[in-house]
Amino acid sequence: MLEKEMSRRRFLVASFLASLGLASTNFLAGCAPKEATPAAAAVTAAAEGKQKRRLKAAFSNAGLQATWCAQGKDTVEQWGEWLGVDITWYDGQLNVDKQRAAIDDMASKDWDFVAIQPLSIGSLVEPVQKMIDKGIPVIDMDTMIAPWGSLKIHTFIAPDNVWMGEQVTQALVDAIGGKGNIIMTQGSLGHTGAQGRAQGFYNVIKRYPDIKVLDESPADWDVNKVAQLWENLLNRYKKIDAAFFHNDDMALAAYQVIKNAGREGEIVLGGIDGMPPAVQAVLDGKLHATARNSAARIHWGALVAGYYAVMQKEVGGKDIPEFILADGPAILPPSKEKSDKPWLLKGYGIGAAPGLLWLEKHLLA
């Protein structure tokens, strides 16, 4: 009945934004109050195509070679269509210098708002400051553009990287009985998310004196570097019990190298990001764990934050907090427990994987 009363576009936008508390439940039901809030009115205008003009926004993330970044771009483009925002994309190409050149170009133009995931902290300060000086709201995504408080960023939307690193590392440690040899393959060392994931790893490992860390080399999110690194590691070390990777792309690339070497039954692997191939790999037993760093929530959160900055004149640090946590679950192998009272089991005895795959398919989580 609801779908018959509302256009598909209006229904989707209303549903998604109501889930964030950005529109009233009355609006979602198709019966807006007599005096709708400004926020609800703005959402209604966008959903019904009555917005006076389309907004112009620029986005950049670390590099579209990474599946997490590609999923973020897909999300922004879909949400931009729904909200009436034209998106121009500046690909960071997993290269600090190339992203800097892209953001320099971004800063030479005018935008209603911009959102950026930097590849390395401190590498984009000057062009970002130039945009802030022009009055353009800048939303920071996933990893920090500059040390806290040094730039007047509109808001920072990110996961808890330390928590994710802890969850996956603990799952690996439990799987090998708290002793053995482990490797951490890091992302880009200047990436604050990678630094947080490494901290989470160390927080767990320091509690286990019988675990030896064999290698902590970075692979810069690059699957080709991972393949080369892991060919060398497998030749160097005859006993590797577990490996923690700072993202799923690297974990799955290493899995293929390990499988080619005939050692896939020896090494327990874990990644971060909770991308669909990795979630399925956990269900299939190829990976032991991952944790969801929601590209969808972070990217559409940045789009909505920019939209409200322009349409409702929300002020950073006043109307919107300086930090918004985009949390997500750890994804572990399915539970073997069965009960006629599933609400008494962790994850209802099902876990996060099946629902997360559906949510990611629809760019929701």
Protein backbone atom coordinates (compact mmCIF):
# COMPACT_ATOMS: atom_id res chain seq x y z
CA MET A 1 0.00 0.00 0.00
CA LEU A 2 2.79 2.39 0.93
CA GLU A 3 4.58 1.91 -2.38
CA LYS A 4 1.34 2.72 -4.24
CA GLU A 5 1.02 6.03 -2.39
CA MET A 6 4.59 7.21 -2.97
CA SER A 7 6.90 7.24 -5.94
CA ARG A 8 9.78 4.79 -5.73
CA ARG A 9 12.25 7.61 -5.40
CA ARG A 10 10.33 9.34 -2.61
CA PHE A 11 9.85 6.08 -0.76
CA LEU A 12 13.54 5.16 -0.90
CA VAL A 13 14.79 8.58 0.14
CA ALA A 14 12.24 8.88 2.92
CA SER A 15 12.95 5.40 4.21
CA PHE A 16 16.71 5.83 4.23
CA LEU A 17 16.70 9.28 5.78
CA ALA A 18 14.06 8.39 8.34
CA SER A 19 16.38 5.62 9.49
CA LEU A 20 18.91 8.37 10.27
CA GLY A 21 16.37 10.53 12.04
CA LEU A 22 16.53 13.07 9.20
CA ALA A 23 12.85 12.95 8.38
CA SER A 24 9.79 12.35 10.49
CA THR A 25 8.06 8.98 10.58
CA ASN A 26 4.89 10.82 9.62
CA PHE A 27 6.57 11.82 6.37
CA LEU A 28 7.60 8.23 5.76
CA ALA A 29 4.00 7.18 6.19
CA GLY A 30 2.90 9.75 3.65
CA CYS A 31 1.13 12.02 6.14
CA ALA A 32 3.47 14.89 6.95
CA PRO A 33 2.41 17.11 9.88
CA LYS A 34 0.74 20.43 9.20
CA GLU A 35 3.92 22.26 10.13
CA ALA A 36 6.71 20.05 8.83
CA THR A 37 10.19 20.61 10.23
CA PRO A 38 12.69 22.34 7.93
CA ALA A 39 14.59 19.08 7.63
CA ALA A 40 11.50 17.14 6.59
CA ALA A 41 10.58 19.89 4.14
CA ALA A 42 14.04 19.74 2.57
CA VAL A 43 13.88 15.98 2.22
CA THR A 44 10.38 16.22 0.75
CA ALA A 45 11.56 18.78 -1.82
CA ALA A 46 14.49 16.62 -2.91
CA ALA A 47 12.45 13.42 -3.01
CA GLU A 48 9.69 14.99 -5.09
CA GLY A 49 12.04 16.78 -7.45
CA LYS A 50 11.03 20.25 -6.21
CA GLN A 51 14.49 21.34 -5.09
CA LYS A 52 15.17 24.73 -6.68
CA ARG A 53 18.55 23.72 -8.08
CA ARG A 54 20.80 20.70 -8.14
CA LEU A 55 23.77 20.91 -5.82
CA LYS A 56 27.38 20.42 -6.96
CA ALA A 57 29.67 18.31 -4.81
CA ALA A 58 33.18 16.92 -5.23
CA PHE A 59 34.32 13.65 -3.67
CA SER A 60 37.67 11.92 -3.43
CA ASN A 61 38.76 8.74 -1.72
CA ALA A 62 42.05 6.87 -1.53
CA GLY A 63 41.79 4.96 -4.79
CA LEU A 64 39.12 3.21 -6.82
CA GLN A 65 41.35 0.15 -7.22
CA ALA A 66 40.23 -0.66 -3.67
CA THR A 67 36.80 -2.28 -3.57
CA TRP A 68 35.90 -0.27 -0.44
CA CYS A 69 36.49 2.98 -2.31
CA ALA A 70 34.61 1.77 -5.39
CA GLN A 71 31.62 0.84 -3.22
CA GLY A 72 31.72 4.32 -1.69
CA LYS A 73 31.62 5.93 -5.13
CA ASP A 74 28.64 3.77 -6.15
CA THR A 75 26.86 4.80 -2.97
CA VAL A 76 27.46 8.52 -3.42
CA GLU A 77 26.32 8.48 -7.03
CA GLN A 78 23.10 6.67 -6.15
CA TRP A 79 22.33 8.90 -3.20
CA GLY A 80 23.25 11.96 -5.23
CA GLU A 81 20.62 10.96 -7.77
CA TRP A 82 18.02 10.66 -5.03
CA LEU A 83 18.93 13.93 -3.31
CA GLY A 84 19.54 16.05 -6.41
CA VAL A 85 23.32 16.38 -6.02
CA ASP A 86 25.66 16.22 -9.03
CA ILE A 87 28.86 14.41 -8.08
CA THR A 88 32.31 15.02 -9.56
CA TRP A 89 34.81 12.33 -8.58
CA TYR A 90 38.54 12.81 -8.01
CA ASP A 91 40.27 9.45 -7.80
CA GLY A 92 43.20 9.25 -5.36
CA GLN A 93 44.65 6.29 -7.31
CA LEU A 94 46.29 4.92 -4.11
CA ASN A 95 49.05 7.47 -4.64
CA VAL A 96 49.69 10.42 -2.32
CA ASP A 97 51.08 12.67 -5.05
CA LYS A 98 48.30 11.88 -7.52
CA GLN A 99 45.62 12.51 -4.92
CA ARG A 100 47.27 15.79 -3.97
CA ALA A 101 47.22 16.90 -7.62
CA ALA A 102 43.54 15.92 -7.83
CA ILE A 103 42.63 17.88 -4.69
CA ASP A 104 44.62 20.89 -5.90
CA ASP A 105 42.39 20.83 -8.98
CA MET A 106 39.30 20.38 -6.83
CA ALA A 107 40.29 23.44 -4.78
CA SER A 108 40.52 25.58 -7.93
CA LYS A 109 36.78 25.19 -8.52
CA ASP A 110 33.60 26.14 -6.68
CA TRP A 111 31.42 23.54 -4.95
CA ASP A 112 28.45 23.48 -2.64
CA PHE A 113 30.38 21.00 -0.49
CA VAL A 114 33.17 18.44 -0.77
CA ALA A 115 34.02 15.15 0.95
CA ILE A 116 37.48 13.61 1.08
CA GLN A 117 39.11 10.42 2.32
CA PRO A 118 42.84 11.19 2.30
CA LEU A 119 45.38 8.50 1.62
CA SER A 120 47.78 10.02 4.14
CA ILE A 121 47.35 12.46 7.00
CA GLY A 122 48.79 15.91 6.31
CA SER A 123 49.11 15.47 2.55
CA LEU A 124 46.10 17.61 1.56
CA VAL A 125 46.15 20.43 4.12
CA GLU A 126 46.82 23.39 1.80
CA PRO A 127 44.12 22.74 -0.84
CA VAL A 128 41.60 21.76 1.85
CA GLN A 129 42.33 24.98 3.75
CA LYS A 130 41.83 26.90 0.49
CA MET A 131 38.34 25.41 0.12
CA ILE A 132 37.49 26.09 3.76
CA ASP A 133 38.58 29.71 3.29
CA LYS A 134 36.15 29.94 0.36
CA GLY A 135 33.33 28.85 2.67
CA ILE A 136 32.96 25.35 1.22
CA PRO A 137 31.96 22.74 3.83
CA VAL A 138 34.56 19.96 3.86
CA ILE A 139 33.54 16.54 5.21
CA ASP A 140 36.36 14.22 6.21
CA MET A 141 35.72 10.52 5.55
CA ASP A 142 37.26 7.44 7.17
CA THR A 143 40.77 8.76 7.85
CA MET A 144 42.00 12.12 9.08
CA ILE A 145 42.99 14.90 6.69
CA ALA A 146 45.03 16.66 9.38
CA PRO A 147 45.70 16.39 13.13
CA TRP A 148 42.62 16.95 15.22
CA GLY A 149 41.54 20.60 15.44
CA SER A 150 44.08 21.98 12.96
CA LEU A 151 41.49 22.45 10.18
CA LYS A 152 37.92 23.67 10.50
CA ILE A 153 36.38 20.52 9.02
CA HIS A 154 32.58 20.41 8.87
CA THR A 155 32.53 16.89 10.38
CA PHE A 156 34.58 13.69 10.43
CA ILE A 157 32.77 10.37 9.73
CA ALA A 158 34.81 7.26 10.46
CA PRO A 159 34.80 3.77 11.97
CA ASP A 160 36.55 2.73 15.17
CA ASN A 161 39.67 1.32 13.59
CA VAL A 162 41.20 0.27 16.90
CA TRP A 163 38.08 -1.74 17.77
CA MET A 164 38.02 -3.43 14.36
CA GLY A 165 41.69 -4.33 14.64
CA GLU A 166 41.12 -5.77 18.10
CA GLN A 167 38.09 -7.82 17.07
CA VAL A 168 39.73 -9.47 14.08
CA THR A 169 43.06 -10.04 15.82
CA GLN A 170 41.35 -11.60 18.83
CA ALA A 171 39.40 -13.93 16.56
CA LEU A 172 42.66 -15.04 14.92
CA VAL A 173 44.39 -15.50 18.27
CA ASP A 174 41.49 -17.58 19.57
CA ALA A 175 41.58 -19.71 16.41
CA ILE A 176 45.25 -20.63 16.96
CA GLY A 177 44.87 -21.23 20.69
CA GLY A 178 46.77 -18.15 21.86
CA LYS A 179 50.18 -19.23 20.62
CA GLY A 180 52.10 -19.42 17.35
CA ASN A 181 53.45 -17.19 14.58
CA ILE A 182 51.44 -14.31 13.17
CA ILE A 183 51.96 -11.71 10.45
CA MET A 184 50.34 -8.29 10.09
CA THR A 185 50.22 -6.86 6.56
CA GLN A 186 49.55 -3.16 6.92
CA GLY A 187 47.94 -0.59 4.66
CA SER A 188 49.55 2.80 3.97
CA LEU A 189 51.51 3.85 7.04
CA GLY A 190 50.39 7.48 6.76
CA HIS A 191 46.71 6.46 6.76
CA THR A 192 45.26 7.07 10.23
CA GLY A 193 42.84 4.17 9.77
CA ALA A 194 45.78 1.83 9.17
CA GLN A 195 47.50 3.25 12.24
CA GLY A 196 44.40 2.55 14.32
CA ARG A 197 44.10 -1.01 12.98
CA ALA A 198 47.73 -1.65 13.85
CA GLN A 199 47.12 -0.31 17.34
CA GLY A 200 44.20 -2.70 17.75
CA PHE A 201 46.46 -5.56 16.66
CA TYR A 202 49.14 -4.61 19.20
CA ASN A 203 46.54 -4.18 21.96
CA VAL A 204 45.63 -7.85 21.60
CA ILE A 205 49.02 -9.37 20.80
CA LYS A 206 50.72 -7.88 23.87
CA ARG A 207 48.52 -10.08 26.06
CA TYR A 208 49.87 -13.28 24.49
CA PRO A 209 53.56 -13.89 25.21
CA ASP A 210 53.50 -17.15 23.24
CA ILE A 211 52.65 -15.36 19.99
CA LYS A 212 55.51 -14.18 17.79
CA VAL A 213 54.99 -11.45 15.19
CA LEU A 214 57.06 -12.44 12.15
CA ASP A 215 56.46 -9.45 9.87
CA GLU A 216 54.65 -6.10 9.87
CA SER A 217 55.41 -4.84 6.37
CA PRO A 218 52.98 -2.43 4.66
CA ALA A 219 51.51 -3.23 1.25
CA ASP A 220 49.74 0.12 0.76
CA TRP A 221 46.34 -1.45 0.00
CA ASP A 222 47.84 -2.70 -3.28
CA VAL A 223 46.98 -6.32 -4.16
CA ASN A 224 49.98 -6.60 -6.48
CA LYS A 225 52.32 -5.58 -3.67
CA VAL A 226 50.58 -8.08 -1.41
CA ALA A 227 51.13 -10.91 -3.87
CA GLN A 228 54.84 -10.16 -4.13
CA LEU A 229 55.19 -9.69 -0.36
CA TRP A 230 53.44 -12.93 0.46
CA GLU A 231 55.40 -14.98 -2.06
CA ASN A 232 58.50 -13.83 -0.19
CA LEU A 233 56.97 -14.46 3.24
CA LEU A 234 55.95 -18.01 2.35
CA ASN A 235 59.48 -18.73 1.15
CA ARG A 236 61.02 -17.21 4.26
CA TYR A 237 58.79 -18.74 6.94
CA LYS A 238 57.88 -22.41 7.00
CA LYS A 239 55.45 -21.99 9.90
CA ILE A 240 52.88 -19.20 9.80
CA ASP A 241 49.78 -19.76 11.91
CA ALA A 242 47.75 -16.60 11.32
CA ALA A 243 47.78 -13.34 9.39
CA PHE A 244 45.96 -10.06 9.92
CA PHE A 245 45.46 -7.73 6.95
CA HIS A 246 44.39 -4.10 7.14
CA ASN A 247 41.77 -4.63 4.45
CA ASP A 248 39.90 -7.47 2.77
CA ASP A 249 41.39 -6.91 -0.69
CA MET A 250 44.84 -7.65 0.69
CA ALA A 251 43.59 -10.63 2.69
CA LEU A 252 41.96 -12.22 -0.35
CA ALA A 253 45.00 -11.51 -2.54
CA ALA A 254 47.22 -13.23 0.01
CA TYR A 255 44.79 -16.13 0.27
CA GLN A 256 45.24 -16.78 -3.44
CA VAL A 257 49.04 -16.78 -3.09
CA ILE A 258 48.79 -19.08 -0.07
CA LYS A 259 46.43 -21.41 -1.95
CA ASN A 260 48.75 -21.51 -4.97
CA ALA A 261 51.51 -22.59 -2.61
CA GLY A 262 49.33 -25.36 -1.19
CA ARG A 263 49.35 -23.88 2.32
CA GLU A 264 45.77 -22.63 2.67
CA GLY A 265 45.01 -25.15 5.45
CA GLU A 266 47.89 -23.90 7.56
CA ILE A 267 47.20 -20.18 7.97
CA VAL A 268 44.16 -18.51 9.56
CA LEU A 269 43.41 -15.20 7.82
CA GLY A 270 41.48 -12.08 8.80
CA GLY A 271 40.81 -8.74 7.12
CA ILE A 272 38.89 -5.52 7.61
CA ASP A 273 36.13 -3.74 5.65
CA GLY A 274 33.50 -6.48 5.47
CA MET A 275 33.22 -6.24 1.70
CA PRO A 276 30.86 -8.81 0.09
CA PRO A 277 33.63 -11.10 -1.30
CA ALA A 278 35.24 -11.22 2.14
CA VAL A 279 31.95 -11.81 3.95
CA GLN A 280 31.27 -14.69 1.58
CA ALA A 281 34.84 -15.93 2.14
CA VAL A 282 34.13 -16.11 5.88
CA LEU A 283 30.98 -18.12 5.18
CA ASP A 284 33.00 -20.39 2.87
CA GLY A 285 35.85 -20.85 5.36
CA LYS A 286 38.52 -19.08 3.30
CA LEU A 287 38.81 -16.19 5.76
CA HIS A 288 38.28 -16.60 9.47
CA ALA A 289 37.10 -13.05 10.22
CA THR A 290 36.56 -9.53 8.97
CA ALA A 291 34.95 -6.41 10.43
CA ARG A 292 32.65 -4.03 8.64
CA ASN A 293 34.01 -0.61 7.84
CA SER A 294 30.90 0.71 6.13
CA ALA A 295 31.82 2.44 2.89
CA ALA A 296 28.10 2.97 2.35
CA ARG A 297 27.39 4.63 5.70
CA ILE A 298 30.48 6.80 5.57
CA HIS A 299 29.92 7.98 2.01
CA TRP A 300 26.17 8.58 2.13
CA GLY A 301 26.68 10.08 5.58
CA ALA A 302 29.10 12.57 4.05
CA LEU A 303 26.65 13.33 1.25
CA VAL A 304 23.78 13.92 3.69
CA ALA A 305 25.99 16.04 5.96
CA GLY A 306 26.96 18.21 2.99
CA TYR A 307 23.35 18.42 1.84
CA TYR A 308 22.24 19.69 5.25
CA ALA A 309 25.15 22.13 5.44
CA VAL A 310 23.90 23.74 2.24
CA MET A 311 20.13 23.33 2.42
CA GLN A 312 19.65 23.85 6.16
CA LYS A 313 22.76 25.94 6.87
CA GLU A 314 24.01 23.51 9.49
CA VAL A 315 27.24 24.72 11.07
CA GLY A 316 30.08 22.31 11.75
CA GLY A 317 30.76 21.79 15.45
CA LYS A 318 27.42 23.39 16.35
CA ASP A 319 24.55 21.79 14.44
CA ILE A 320 26.53 18.67 13.59
CA PRO A 321 29.15 17.08 15.88
CA GLU A 322 32.81 17.14 14.96
CA PHE A 323 32.90 13.33 14.86
CA ILE A 324 30.30 10.75 13.77
CA LEU A 325 31.04 7.08 14.41
CA ALA A 326 30.14 4.74 11.54
CA ASP A 327 30.24 1.49 13.44
CA GLY A 328 29.85 -2.01 12.03
CA PRO A 329 29.92 -5.61 13.22
CA ALA A 330 32.64 -8.21 13.29
CA ILE A 331 31.91 -11.05 10.87
CA LEU A 332 32.92 -14.49 12.13
CA PRO A 333 32.18 -18.05 11.02
CA PRO A 334 28.52 -19.07 11.50
CA SER A 335 27.68 -20.30 14.97
CA LYS A 336 27.23 -24.03 15.43
CA GLU A 337 24.90 -23.46 18.37
CA LYS A 338 21.22 -24.24 17.90
CA SER A 339 18.38 -23.19 20.14
CA ASP A 340 14.64 -22.74 20.12
CA LYS A 341 15.39 -19.40 21.83
CA PRO A 342 17.78 -17.77 19.35
CA TRP A 343 17.52 -14.42 21.12
CA LEU A 344 19.71 -15.95 23.85
CA LEU A 345 22.53 -16.71 21.39
CA LYS A 346 25.12 -14.26 20.11
CA GLY A 347 23.91 -12.84 16.82
CA TYR A 348 20.72 -14.90 17.17
CA GLY A 349 22.82 -17.89 16.16
CA ILE A 350 22.97 -16.47 12.64
CA GLY A 351 25.55 -13.71 12.82
CA ALA A 352 26.00 -10.57 10.80
CA ALA A 353 26.99 -12.05 7.43
CA PRO A 354 23.66 -12.82 5.67
CA GLY A 355 22.01 -9.53 6.60
CA LEU A 356 25.12 -7.52 5.85
CA LEU A 357 25.33 -8.96 2.34
CA TRP A 358 21.77 -7.77 1.64
CA LEU A 359 22.38 -4.33 3.14
CA GLU A 360 25.55 -3.85 1.10
CA LYS A 361 23.77 -4.92 -2.07
CA HIS A 362 21.41 -1.99 -1.54
CA LEU A 363 24.17 0.44 -0.44
CA LEU A 364 22.81 0.78 3.07
CA ALA A 365 25.51 -0.49 5.43
